[in-house]
Amino acid sequence: MSNATANPAPADPAPVLVFDGGCVFCRHFAELSELRSGIPGLRIRDGRAEGALRESLERRGYRLRDGAVLLDGERVLHGAEAIQWLCARMTPSAALLRLLAPLLATPARARALYPLLLLARRGALALRGLPVDPGATVVGRGERSAGGEPGGL
């Protein structure tokens, strides 16, 4: 995967949402956002499946274990900021998006509620036996990142 993919050029007007495809909640939200949010050209990328993209973002300090990443031209938004950006621009047609968009459309509410979304993500991943960090490998009952750092639930 080239850096051009991880860092869309300024001429690329289409925003890109990089999410953790191992989380069923994240996947559902991302797919609905791409298909039914009304954000022109929004593309989604599964950072768990696309290791080179994920590693490129991690080198820049954006870890998917801490939240989704939105690439908007040269801007990189992470976590609550990324979800707030999406929700503030949605004209959703899906029921879930109609519920979440107003809740997460302002920076203050997104920052306040985002930790609950991360908690739900951790639970969904635990039920599937997946590590919280998409770049991690599971060792026994604990979890170790590719760099050997602990990262338990």
N, C-alpha and C. Protein backbone atom coordinates (compact mmCIF):
# COMPACT_ATOMS: atom_id res chain seq x y z
N MET A 1 0.86 -1.16 0.00
CA MET A 1 0.00 0.00 0.00
C MET A 1 0.90 1.23 0.00
N SER A 2 0.67 2.16 -0.86
CA SER A 2 1.51 3.35 -0.96
C SER A 2 1.07 4.39 0.06
N ASN A 3 1.97 5.35 0.32
CA ASN A 3 1.62 6.44 1.21
C ASN A 3 0.50 7.28 0.64
N ALA A 4 0.37 7.31 -0.68
CA ALA A 4 -0.71 8.07 -1.30
C ALA A 4 -2.06 7.56 -0.83
N THR A 5 -2.13 6.26 -0.54
CA THR A 5 -3.37 5.68 -0.06
C THR A 5 -3.64 6.11 1.37
N ALA A 6 -2.61 6.11 2.21
CA ALA A 6 -2.78 6.47 3.61
C ALA A 6 -2.94 7.98 3.78
N ASN A 7 -2.41 8.76 2.86
CA ASN A 7 -2.47 10.21 2.92
C ASN A 7 -3.01 10.74 1.61
N PRO A 8 -4.35 10.85 1.49
CA PRO A 8 -4.89 11.33 0.23
C PRO A 8 -4.31 12.70 -0.13
N ALA A 9 -4.03 12.91 -1.40
CA ALA A 9 -3.49 14.17 -1.87
C ALA A 9 -4.53 15.26 -1.71
N PRO A 10 -4.11 16.53 -1.59
CA PRO A 10 -5.07 17.61 -1.44
C PRO A 10 -6.10 17.63 -2.56
N ALA A 11 -5.74 17.16 -3.74
CA ALA A 11 -6.68 17.15 -4.87
C ALA A 11 -7.75 16.08 -4.69
N ASP A 12 -7.55 15.15 -3.76
CA ASP A 12 -8.52 14.09 -3.51
C ASP A 12 -9.57 14.59 -2.53
N PRO A 13 -10.75 15.00 -3.03
CA PRO A 13 -11.75 15.58 -2.14
C PRO A 13 -12.49 14.54 -1.29
N ALA A 14 -12.33 13.28 -1.60
CA ALA A 14 -13.09 12.25 -0.90
C ALA A 14 -12.46 11.94 0.45
N PRO A 15 -13.23 12.11 1.53
CA PRO A 15 -12.71 11.73 2.84
C PRO A 15 -12.65 10.21 2.97
N VAL A 16 -11.73 9.75 3.82
CA VAL A 16 -11.53 8.32 4.03
C VAL A 16 -11.65 8.04 5.52
N LEU A 17 -12.52 7.12 5.90
CA LEU A 17 -12.66 6.69 7.28
C LEU A 17 -11.93 5.36 7.44
N VAL A 18 -10.94 5.34 8.31
CA VAL A 18 -10.20 4.11 8.61
C VAL A 18 -10.71 3.63 9.96
N PHE A 19 -11.24 2.41 9.99
CA PHE A 19 -11.89 1.89 11.19
C PHE A 19 -11.36 0.50 11.50
N ASP A 20 -11.74 -0.02 12.66
CA ASP A 20 -11.35 -1.37 13.07
C ASP A 20 -12.42 -2.35 12.60
N GLY A 21 -12.15 -3.06 11.53
CA GLY A 21 -13.11 -4.00 10.96
C GLY A 21 -13.38 -5.21 11.82
N GLY A 22 -12.59 -5.42 12.88
CA GLY A 22 -12.84 -6.54 13.79
C GLY A 22 -14.01 -6.28 14.71
N CYS A 23 -14.38 -5.02 14.87
CA CYS A 23 -15.47 -4.62 15.76
C CYS A 23 -16.76 -4.55 14.94
N VAL A 24 -17.76 -5.34 15.34
CA VAL A 24 -19.01 -5.35 14.57
C VAL A 24 -19.71 -4.01 14.61
N PHE A 25 -19.61 -3.28 15.73
CA PHE A 25 -20.23 -1.96 15.82
C PHE A 25 -19.53 -0.99 14.87
N CYS A 26 -18.20 -1.01 14.89
CA CYS A 26 -17.41 -0.11 14.03
C CYS A 26 -17.70 -0.39 12.56
N ARG A 27 -17.73 -1.67 12.22
CA ARG A 27 -17.98 -2.06 10.82
C ARG A 27 -19.36 -1.58 10.37
N HIS A 28 -20.36 -1.81 11.20
CA HIS A 28 -21.72 -1.42 10.85
C HIS A 28 -21.82 0.10 10.68
N PHE A 29 -21.25 0.85 11.63
CA PHE A 29 -21.26 2.31 11.53
C PHE A 29 -20.54 2.77 10.27
N ALA A 30 -19.36 2.20 10.00
CA ALA A 30 -18.57 2.62 8.83
C ALA A 30 -19.31 2.31 7.53
N GLU A 31 -19.88 1.12 7.44
CA GLU A 31 -20.59 0.75 6.21
C GLU A 31 -21.81 1.63 5.99
N LEU A 32 -22.55 1.88 7.07
CA LEU A 32 -23.71 2.78 6.92
C LEU A 32 -23.25 4.18 6.55
N SER A 33 -22.15 4.63 7.15
CA SER A 33 -21.64 5.97 6.84
C SER A 33 -21.28 6.09 5.38
N GLU A 34 -20.64 5.04 4.85
CA GLU A 34 -20.24 5.08 3.45
C GLU A 34 -21.45 5.07 2.53
N LEU A 35 -22.42 4.22 2.85
CA LEU A 35 -23.54 4.00 1.94
C LEU A 35 -24.71 4.96 2.14
N ARG A 36 -24.94 5.40 3.40
CA ARG A 36 -26.20 6.09 3.66
C ARG A 36 -26.07 7.36 4.49
N SER A 37 -24.88 7.93 4.57
CA SER A 37 -24.70 9.14 5.38
C SER A 37 -24.97 10.42 4.60
N GLY A 38 -24.88 10.33 3.29
CA GLY A 38 -25.04 11.52 2.47
C GLY A 38 -23.76 12.34 2.34
N ILE A 39 -22.62 11.82 2.81
CA ILE A 39 -21.34 12.52 2.66
C ILE A 39 -20.76 12.12 1.31
N PRO A 40 -20.66 13.07 0.38
CA PRO A 40 -20.21 12.75 -0.97
C PRO A 40 -18.82 12.12 -0.99
N GLY A 41 -18.72 10.97 -1.65
CA GLY A 41 -17.44 10.33 -1.89
C GLY A 41 -16.80 9.64 -0.70
N LEU A 42 -17.45 9.64 0.47
CA LEU A 42 -16.84 9.01 1.65
C LEU A 42 -16.48 7.57 1.34
N ARG A 43 -15.22 7.24 1.65
CA ARG A 43 -14.75 5.86 1.48
C ARG A 43 -14.38 5.31 2.84
N ILE A 44 -14.53 4.00 3.00
CA ILE A 44 -14.14 3.37 4.26
C ILE A 44 -13.03 2.37 3.99
N ARG A 45 -12.15 2.21 4.98
CA ARG A 45 -11.03 1.27 4.89
C ARG A 45 -10.93 0.53 6.21
N ASP A 46 -10.78 -0.76 6.15
CA ASP A 46 -10.64 -1.60 7.33
C ASP A 46 -9.17 -1.63 7.75
N GLY A 47 -8.85 -0.87 8.78
CA GLY A 47 -7.47 -0.79 9.25
C GLY A 47 -6.96 -2.08 9.85
N ARG A 48 -7.84 -2.94 10.34
CA ARG A 48 -7.40 -4.24 10.87
C ARG A 48 -6.94 -5.13 9.73
N ALA A 49 -7.63 -5.08 8.61
CA ALA A 49 -7.28 -5.91 7.46
C ALA A 49 -6.15 -5.32 6.63
N GLU A 50 -6.04 -4.01 6.64
CA GLU A 50 -5.03 -3.33 5.82
C GLU A 50 -3.85 -2.89 6.69
N GLY A 51 -2.95 -3.85 6.93
CA GLY A 51 -1.83 -3.63 7.83
C GLY A 51 -0.93 -2.48 7.44
N ALA A 52 -0.63 -2.32 6.17
CA ALA A 52 0.27 -1.24 5.73
C ALA A 52 -0.35 0.13 6.01
N LEU A 53 -1.63 0.27 5.77
CA LEU A 53 -2.32 1.52 6.06
C LEU A 53 -2.30 1.79 7.56
N ARG A 54 -2.64 0.78 8.35
CA ARG A 54 -2.65 0.91 9.81
C ARG A 54 -1.27 1.30 10.34
N GLU A 55 -0.24 0.63 9.85
CA GLU A 55 1.12 0.91 10.30
C GLU A 55 1.56 2.32 9.91
N SER A 56 1.15 2.77 8.74
CA SER A 56 1.46 4.14 8.31
C SER A 56 0.84 5.15 9.26
N LEU A 57 -0.40 4.91 9.65
CA LEU A 57 -1.08 5.80 10.58
C LEU A 57 -0.42 5.74 11.96
N GLU A 58 -0.05 4.54 12.40
CA GLU A 58 0.59 4.39 13.71
C GLU A 58 1.92 5.13 13.77
N ARG A 59 2.69 5.09 12.68
CA ARG A 59 3.96 5.83 12.65
C ARG A 59 3.74 7.32 12.84
N ARG A 60 2.56 7.79 12.46
CA ARG A 60 2.24 9.22 12.60
C ARG A 60 1.53 9.51 13.93
N GLY A 61 1.37 8.47 14.77
CA GLY A 61 0.77 8.66 16.09
C GLY A 61 -0.72 8.39 16.18
N TYR A 62 -1.32 7.80 15.16
CA TYR A 62 -2.76 7.53 15.15
C TYR A 62 -2.98 6.03 15.26
N ARG A 63 -3.35 5.57 16.45
CA ARG A 63 -3.56 4.14 16.69
C ARG A 63 -5.05 3.83 16.69
N LEU A 64 -5.43 2.81 15.93
CA LEU A 64 -6.84 2.43 15.85
C LEU A 64 -7.36 1.92 17.19
N ARG A 65 -6.51 1.44 18.06
CA ARG A 65 -6.98 1.00 19.37
C ARG A 65 -7.57 2.18 20.13
N ASP A 66 -7.18 3.41 19.77
CA ASP A 66 -7.67 4.62 20.43
C ASP A 66 -8.79 5.30 19.67
N GLY A 67 -9.18 4.75 18.53
CA GLY A 67 -10.30 5.31 17.80
C GLY A 67 -10.09 5.32 16.31
N ALA A 68 -11.18 5.56 15.61
CA ALA A 68 -11.16 5.62 14.14
C ALA A 68 -10.35 6.83 13.70
N VAL A 69 -9.93 6.79 12.43
CA VAL A 69 -9.16 7.88 11.85
C VAL A 69 -9.90 8.34 10.59
N LEU A 70 -10.00 9.66 10.44
CA LEU A 70 -10.60 10.23 9.24
C LEU A 70 -9.54 11.03 8.52
N LEU A 71 -9.32 10.69 7.25
CA LEU A 71 -8.37 11.41 6.41
C LEU A 71 -9.18 12.33 5.50
N ASP A 72 -8.95 13.62 5.64
CA ASP A 72 -9.69 14.62 4.86
C ASP A 72 -8.66 15.51 4.19
N GLY A 73 -8.24 15.12 3.01
CA GLY A 73 -7.15 15.84 2.35
C GLY A 73 -5.90 15.71 3.19
N GLU A 74 -5.31 16.82 3.58
CA GLU A 74 -4.10 16.81 4.42
C GLU A 74 -4.42 16.66 5.89
N ARG A 75 -5.67 16.86 6.28
CA ARG A 75 -6.06 16.77 7.70
C ARG A 75 -6.25 15.33 8.12
N VAL A 76 -5.84 15.04 9.35
CA VAL A 76 -6.07 13.74 9.96
C VAL A 76 -6.81 13.99 11.26
N LEU A 77 -7.99 13.39 11.38
CA LEU A 77 -8.80 13.49 12.60
C LEU A 77 -8.85 12.11 13.23
N HIS A 78 -8.80 12.07 14.56
CA HIS A 78 -8.69 10.79 15.25
C HIS A 78 -9.71 10.72 16.39
N GLY A 79 -10.29 9.55 16.58
CA GLY A 79 -11.18 9.31 17.70
C GLY A 79 -12.44 10.14 17.64
N ALA A 80 -12.75 10.79 18.77
CA ALA A 80 -13.97 11.60 18.87
C ALA A 80 -14.02 12.68 17.80
N GLU A 81 -12.87 13.26 17.48
CA GLU A 81 -12.82 14.32 16.47
C GLU A 81 -13.23 13.78 15.09
N ALA A 82 -12.80 12.57 14.77
CA ALA A 82 -13.16 11.95 13.48
C ALA A 82 -14.66 11.66 13.41
N ILE A 83 -15.20 11.09 14.48
CA ILE A 83 -16.62 10.74 14.48
C ILE A 83 -17.48 12.00 14.49
N GLN A 84 -17.04 13.03 15.23
CA GLN A 84 -17.77 14.29 15.25
C GLN A 84 -17.80 14.92 13.85
N TRP A 85 -16.67 14.88 13.15
CA TRP A 85 -16.59 15.43 11.78
C TRP A 85 -17.63 14.74 10.90
N LEU A 86 -17.68 13.41 10.97
CA LEU A 86 -18.64 12.65 10.16
C LEU A 86 -20.08 13.01 10.53
N CYS A 87 -20.37 12.96 11.82
CA CYS A 87 -21.75 13.17 12.26
C CYS A 87 -22.25 14.57 11.97
N ALA A 88 -21.36 15.55 12.02
CA ALA A 88 -21.76 16.93 11.74
C ALA A 88 -22.10 17.13 10.27
N ARG A 89 -21.64 16.25 9.40
CA ARG A 89 -21.86 16.40 7.95
C ARG A 89 -22.90 15.44 7.39
N MET A 90 -23.39 14.55 8.21
CA MET A 90 -24.33 13.53 7.74
C MET A 90 -25.71 14.10 7.47
N THR A 91 -26.32 13.54 6.45
CA THR A 91 -27.76 13.66 6.23
C THR A 91 -28.23 12.21 6.12
N PRO A 92 -28.30 11.55 7.26
CA PRO A 92 -28.47 10.10 7.27
C PRO A 92 -29.85 9.62 6.86
N SER A 93 -29.84 8.48 6.19
CA SER A 93 -31.10 7.83 5.85
C SER A 93 -31.29 6.55 6.66
N ALA A 94 -30.24 6.06 7.31
CA ALA A 94 -30.35 4.86 8.14
C ALA A 94 -30.73 5.25 9.57
N ALA A 95 -31.58 4.43 10.20
CA ALA A 95 -32.08 4.73 11.55
C ALA A 95 -30.94 4.90 12.55
N LEU A 96 -29.94 4.03 12.52
CA LEU A 96 -28.82 4.14 13.46
C LEU A 96 -28.10 5.47 13.28
N LEU A 97 -27.87 5.87 12.06
CA LEU A 97 -27.18 7.14 11.82
C LEU A 97 -28.04 8.33 12.22
N ARG A 98 -29.37 8.22 12.03
CA ARG A 98 -30.26 9.31 12.46
C ARG A 98 -30.23 9.48 13.97
N LEU A 99 -29.98 8.39 14.70
CA LEU A 99 -29.86 8.45 16.15
C LEU A 99 -28.50 8.99 16.58
N LEU A 100 -27.42 8.47 15.99
CA LEU A 100 -26.07 8.83 16.41
C LEU A 100 -25.63 10.21 15.93
N ALA A 101 -26.01 10.59 14.73
CA ALA A 101 -25.51 11.85 14.15
C ALA A 101 -25.76 13.05 15.07
N PRO A 102 -26.99 13.29 15.54
CA PRO A 102 -27.18 14.45 16.40
C PRO A 102 -26.47 14.32 17.75
N LEU A 103 -26.37 13.09 18.25
CA LEU A 103 -25.70 12.88 19.54
C LEU A 103 -24.21 13.22 19.48
N LEU A 104 -23.60 12.94 18.35
CA LEU A 104 -22.15 13.07 18.23
C LEU A 104 -21.72 14.22 17.31
N ALA A 105 -22.63 15.07 16.92
CA ALA A 105 -22.32 16.11 15.94
C ALA A 105 -21.59 17.32 16.52
N THR A 106 -21.62 17.50 17.83
CA THR A 106 -20.90 18.64 18.42
C THR A 106 -19.64 18.13 19.11
N PRO A 107 -18.58 18.92 19.10
CA PRO A 107 -17.32 18.47 19.72
C PRO A 107 -17.47 18.06 21.18
N ALA A 108 -18.20 18.83 21.97
CA ALA A 108 -18.33 18.52 23.40
C ALA A 108 -19.04 17.18 23.62
N ARG A 109 -20.14 16.95 22.90
CA ARG A 109 -20.86 15.68 23.07
C ARG A 109 -20.04 14.51 22.53
N ALA A 110 -19.36 14.72 21.42
CA ALA A 110 -18.53 13.64 20.87
C ALA A 110 -17.43 13.25 21.87
N ARG A 111 -16.76 14.23 22.45
CA ARG A 111 -15.71 13.94 23.44
C ARG A 111 -16.29 13.24 24.67
N ALA A 112 -17.48 13.64 25.08
CA ALA A 112 -18.10 13.04 26.27
C ALA A 112 -18.58 11.61 26.01
N LEU A 113 -19.12 11.36 24.83
CA LEU A 113 -19.71 10.05 24.54
C LEU A 113 -18.74 9.05 23.92
N TYR A 114 -17.67 9.54 23.31
CA TYR A 114 -16.76 8.64 22.60
C TYR A 114 -16.17 7.55 23.50
N PRO A 115 -15.83 7.83 24.76
CA PRO A 115 -15.33 6.74 25.61
C PRO A 115 -16.32 5.59 25.75
N LEU A 116 -17.62 5.88 25.71
CA LEU A 116 -18.62 4.80 25.76
C LEU A 116 -18.58 3.95 24.49
N LEU A 117 -18.34 4.60 23.36
CA LEU A 117 -18.21 3.85 22.11
C LEU A 117 -16.97 2.95 22.15
N LEU A 118 -15.88 3.47 22.70
CA LEU A 118 -14.66 2.65 22.82
C LEU A 118 -14.89 1.47 23.76
N LEU A 119 -15.64 1.68 24.82
CA LEU A 119 -15.96 0.60 25.75
C LEU A 119 -16.79 -0.48 25.05
N ALA A 120 -17.79 -0.07 24.27
CA ALA A 120 -18.60 -1.02 23.51
C ALA A 120 -17.73 -1.78 22.51
N ARG A 121 -16.79 -1.08 21.88
CA ARG A 121 -15.86 -1.72 20.94
C ARG A 121 -15.03 -2.78 21.65
N ARG A 122 -14.48 -2.44 22.82
CA ARG A 122 -13.68 -3.41 23.59
C ARG A 122 -14.50 -4.66 23.90
N GLY A 123 -15.76 -4.46 24.30
CA GLY A 123 -16.61 -5.60 24.60
C GLY A 123 -16.88 -6.46 23.38
N ALA A 124 -17.17 -5.81 22.25
CA ALA A 124 -17.44 -6.56 21.02
C ALA A 124 -16.21 -7.35 20.58
N LEU A 125 -15.03 -6.75 20.70
CA LEU A 125 -13.80 -7.45 20.32
C LEU A 125 -13.53 -8.60 21.27
N ALA A 126 -13.76 -8.40 22.57
CA ALA A 126 -13.54 -9.47 23.56
C ALA A 126 -14.43 -10.67 23.26
N LEU A 127 -15.68 -10.41 22.90
CA LEU A 127 -16.60 -11.50 22.57
C LEU A 127 -16.12 -12.31 21.37
N ARG A 128 -15.41 -11.65 20.47
CA ARG A 128 -14.89 -12.33 19.28
C ARG A 128 -13.49 -12.88 19.52
N GLY A 129 -12.91 -12.61 20.68
CA GLY A 129 -11.56 -13.09 20.98
C GLY A 129 -10.47 -12.33 20.24
N LEU A 130 -10.76 -11.07 19.88
CA LEU A 130 -9.79 -10.27 19.14
C LEU A 130 -9.13 -9.26 20.07
N PRO A 131 -7.86 -8.95 19.83
CA PRO A 131 -7.19 -7.94 20.65
C PRO A 131 -7.73 -6.55 20.35
N VAL A 132 -7.67 -5.67 21.35
CA VAL A 132 -8.14 -4.29 21.19
C VAL A 132 -7.29 -3.57 20.15
N ASP A 133 -6.01 -3.85 20.15
CA ASP A 133 -5.09 -3.21 19.20
C ASP A 133 -5.07 -4.06 17.93
N PRO A 134 -5.54 -3.52 16.79
CA PRO A 134 -5.59 -4.31 15.56
C PRO A 134 -4.22 -4.84 15.12
N GLY A 135 -3.14 -4.21 15.56
CA GLY A 135 -1.81 -4.66 15.18
C GLY A 135 -1.21 -5.64 16.17
N ALA A 136 -1.98 -6.05 17.17
CA ALA A 136 -1.46 -6.92 18.22
C ALA A 136 -1.66 -8.39 17.86
N THR A 137 -0.87 -9.20 18.51
CA THR A 137 -1.07 -10.64 18.45
C THR A 137 -1.45 -11.09 19.85
N VAL A 138 -2.31 -12.06 19.95
CA VAL A 138 -2.76 -12.53 21.24
C VAL A 138 -1.78 -13.57 21.75
N VAL A 139 -1.36 -13.41 23.01
CA VAL A 139 -0.43 -14.34 23.65
C VAL A 139 -1.12 -14.85 24.90
N GLY A 140 -1.52 -16.12 24.88
CA GLY A 140 -2.22 -16.67 26.05
C GLY A 140 -3.47 -15.87 26.34
N ARG A 141 -3.67 -15.55 27.63
CA ARG A 141 -4.84 -14.76 28.02
C ARG A 141 -4.59 -13.27 27.88
N GLY A 142 -3.32 -12.88 27.84
CA GLY A 142 -2.99 -11.46 27.73
C GLY A 142 -2.88 -11.05 26.28
N GLU A 143 -2.51 -9.83 26.10
CA GLU A 143 -2.40 -9.30 24.75
C GLU A 143 -1.09 -8.54 24.67
N ARG A 144 -0.39 -8.73 23.57
CA ARG A 144 0.87 -8.00 23.35
C ARG A 144 0.80 -7.35 21.98
N SER A 145 1.23 -6.13 21.91
CA SER A 145 1.25 -5.47 20.61
C SER A 145 2.43 -5.99 19.81
N ALA A 146 2.46 -5.64 18.54
CA ALA A 146 3.55 -6.08 17.66
C ALA A 146 4.89 -5.60 18.21
N GLY A 147 4.90 -4.49 18.94
CA GLY A 147 6.12 -3.96 19.54
C GLY A 147 6.39 -4.52 20.91
N GLY A 148 5.56 -5.44 21.41
CA GLY A 148 5.79 -6.07 22.68
C GLY A 148 5.20 -5.31 23.86
N GLU A 149 4.46 -4.23 23.61
CA GLU A 149 3.88 -3.47 24.70
C GLU A 149 2.59 -4.13 25.16
N PRO A 150 2.35 -4.18 26.48
CA PRO A 150 1.07 -4.71 26.96
C PRO A 150 -0.07 -3.83 26.45
N GLY A 151 -1.21 -4.43 26.22
CA GLY A 151 -2.35 -3.64 25.77
C GLY A 151 -3.66 -4.32 26.12
N GLY A 152 -3.77 -4.82 27.31
CA GLY A 152 -4.93 -5.62 27.71
C GLY A 152 -6.24 -4.86 27.68
N LEU A 153 -7.31 -5.61 27.85
CA LEU A 153 -8.63 -5.03 27.87
C LEU A 153 -8.82 -4.35 29.20
